[in-house]
C-alpha atoms as a PDB file:
ATOM      1  CA  MET A   1      72.559  72.497 119.981  1.00  0.00           C
ATOM      2  CA  ILE A   2      71.085  74.730 117.305  1.00  0.00           C
ATOM      3  CA  VAL A   3      73.073  77.023 115.022  1.00  0.00           C
ATOM      4  CA  LYS A   4      71.312  80.270 114.084  1.00  0.00           C
ATOM      5  CA  ARG A   5      72.364  83.184 111.896  1.00  0.00           C
ATOM      6  CA  VAL A   6      71.966  86.705 113.259  1.00  0.00           C
ATOM      7  CA  GLY A   7      69.891  88.670 110.749  1.00  0.00           C
ATOM      8  CA  SER A   8      70.818  92.055 109.291  1.00  0.00           C
ATOM      9  CA  SER A   9      68.681  93.726 111.985  1.00  0.00           C
ATOM     10  CA  GLY A  10      70.684  92.007 114.732  1.00  0.00           C
ATOM     11  CA  GLN A  11      67.912  89.570 115.665  1.00  0.00           C
ATOM     12  CA  ILE A  12      67.637  85.801 115.949  1.00  0.00           C
ATOM     13  CA  SER A  13      64.452  83.738 116.194  1.00  0.00           C
ATOM     14  CA  LEU A  14      63.894  81.451 119.150  1.00  0.00           C
ATOM     15  CA  GLY A  15      60.927  79.775 117.454  1.00  0.00           C
ATOM     16  CA  LYS A  16      57.223  80.521 117.295  1.00  0.00           C
ATOM     17  CA  GLU A  17      56.605  78.411 120.406  1.00  0.00           C
ATOM     18  CA  ASN A  18      58.455  81.112 122.376  1.00  0.00           C
ATOM     19  CA  ALA A  19      56.626  84.071 120.833  1.00  0.00           C
ATOM     20  CA  GLY A  20      55.598  86.571 123.505  1.00  0.00           C
ATOM     21  CA  ARG A  21      57.619  84.879 126.254  1.00  0.00           C
ATOM     22  CA  MET A  22      60.023  86.813 128.453  1.00  0.00           C
ATOM     23  CA  VAL A  23      63.702  85.913 128.239  1.00  0.00           C
ATOM     24  CA  MET A  24      66.738  86.898 130.231  1.00  0.00           C
ATOM     25  CA  VAL A  25      69.864  87.417 128.152  1.00  0.00           C
ATOM     26  CA  ASP A  26      73.178  87.333 129.987  1.00  0.00           C
ATOM     27  CA  GLN A  27      76.536  88.011 128.348  1.00  0.00           C
ATOM     28  CA  PRO A  28      79.179  86.687 130.757  1.00  0.00           C
ATOM     29  CA  GLU A  29      81.941  87.450 128.227  1.00  0.00           C
ATOM     30  CA  ASP A  30      82.315  88.656 124.649  1.00  0.00           C
ATOM     31  CA  GLY A  31      80.770  86.178 122.217  1.00  0.00           C
ATOM     32  CA  VAL A  32      78.988  84.167 124.932  1.00  0.00           C
ATOM     33  CA  TRP A  33      75.270  84.619 125.528  1.00  0.00           C
ATOM     34  CA  VAL A  34      73.105  82.690 127.956  1.00  0.00           C
ATOM     35  CA  ILE A  35      69.382  82.914 127.202  1.00  0.00           C
ATOM     36  CA  LYS A  36      66.860  81.731 129.799  1.00  0.00           C
ATOM     37  CA  LEU A  37      63.083  81.682 129.531  1.00  0.00           C
ATOM     38  CA  GLY A  38      61.311  83.035 132.582  1.00  0.00           C
ATOM     39  CA  GLU A  39      58.549  85.111 134.054  1.00  0.00           C
ATOM     40  CA  PHE A  40      58.827  88.831 134.646  1.00  0.00           C
ATOM     41  CA  VAL A  41      58.397  90.012 138.223  1.00  0.00           C
ATOM     42  CA  PRO A  42      57.260  93.646 138.441  1.00  0.00           C
ATOM     43  CA  ASP A  43      59.488  95.843 140.620  1.00  0.00           C
ATOM     44  CA  SER A  44      56.523  96.554 142.904  1.00  0.00           C
ATOM     45  CA  GLU A  45      56.193  92.802 143.673  1.00  0.00           C
ATOM     46  CA  ARG A  46      59.884  91.893 143.896  1.00  0.00           C
ATOM     47  CA  TRP A  47      59.814  92.285 147.702  1.00  0.00           C
ATOM     48  CA  LEU A  48      57.698  89.117 147.886  1.00  0.00           C
ATOM     49  CA  PHE A  49      60.734  87.109 146.817  1.00  0.00           C
ATOM     50  CA  GLU A  50      63.096  88.431 149.495  1.00  0.00           C
ATOM     51  CA  ARG A  51      64.272  85.680 151.841  1.00  0.00           C
ATOM     52  CA  ARG A  52      62.880  87.311 154.997  1.00  0.00           C
ATOM     53  CA  VAL A  53      59.474  87.885 153.434  1.00  0.00           C
ATOM     54  CA  SER A  54      59.381  84.367 152.000  1.00  0.00           C
ATOM     55  CA  GLU A  55      60.135  82.902 155.436  1.00  0.00           C
ATOM     56  CA  GLU A  56      57.434  85.046 157.059  1.00  0.00           C
ATOM     57  CA  LEU A  57      54.910  83.973 154.432  1.00  0.00           C
ATOM     58  CA  ASP A  58      55.819  80.308 154.972  1.00  0.00           C
ATOM     59  CA  GLN A  59      55.350  80.791 158.732  1.00  0.00           C
ATOM     60  CA  ALA A  60      51.969  82.473 158.208  1.00  0.00           C
ATOM     61  CA  ILE A  61      50.816  79.667 155.910  1.00  0.00           C
ATOM     62  CA  ARG A  62      51.842  77.025 158.480  1.00  0.00           C
ATOM     63  CA  TRP A  63      49.927  78.933 161.185  1.00  0.00           C
ATOM     64  CA  ALA A  64      46.821  79.228 158.969  1.00  0.00           C
ATOM     65  CA  GLU A  65      46.926  75.503 158.182  1.00  0.00           C
ATOM     66  CA  ALA A  66      47.159  74.655 161.909  1.00  0.00           C
ATOM     67  CA  ASN A  67      44.468  77.177 162.923  1.00  0.00           C
ATOM     68  CA  PRO A  68      41.371  76.769 160.772  1.00  0.00           C
ATOM     69  CA  PRO A  69      38.902  79.658 160.649  1.00  0.00           C
ATOM     70  CA  ARG A  70      36.215  79.779 163.330  1.00  0.00           C
ATOM     71  CA  ASP A  71      33.172  81.893 163.968  1.00  0.00           C
ATOM     72  CA  THR A  72      33.759  85.137 165.812  1.00  0.00           C
ATOM     73  CA  ASP A  73      31.428  86.328 168.571  1.00  0.00           C
ATOM     74  CA  LEU A  74      31.141  89.950 167.403  1.00  0.00           C
ATOM     75  CA  ASP A  75      29.380  91.038 170.599  1.00  0.00           C
ATOM     76  CA  ALA A  76      32.236  89.699 172.737  1.00  0.00           C
ATOM     77  CA  LEU A  77      34.731  91.320 170.390  1.00  0.00           C
ATOM     78  CA  ASP A  78      32.896  94.643 170.693  1.00  0.00           C
ATOM     79  CA  ARG A  79      33.067  94.334 174.515  1.00  0.00           C
ATOM     80  CA  GLY A  80      36.848  93.790 174.252  1.00  0.00           C
ATOM     81  CA  GLU A  81      36.755  90.204 175.505  1.00  0.00           C
ATOM     82  CA  ALA A  82      39.776  88.470 174.017  1.00  0.00           C
ATOM     83  CA  GLY A  83      39.634  84.841 172.975  1.00  0.00           C
ATOM     84  CA  SER A  84      35.852  84.624 172.803  1.00  0.00           C
END
């Protein structure tokens, strides 16, 4: 446990080793703060962390691991022959 004094500007230092890091500050009740270091996820990428999307990505990765890439016969593909 570390005791810090809040400065006249309302700030406390978390140490130079944390400079530039993102933190989440939660105040579950008056006088209680929970500070957690973390990474910021842009709103435009937050969908990647939804359970359904995560499960679909896991499924796609398993499929890709079980089905290595193979050469494609472009002429057969152009003729509409599936599976060639």
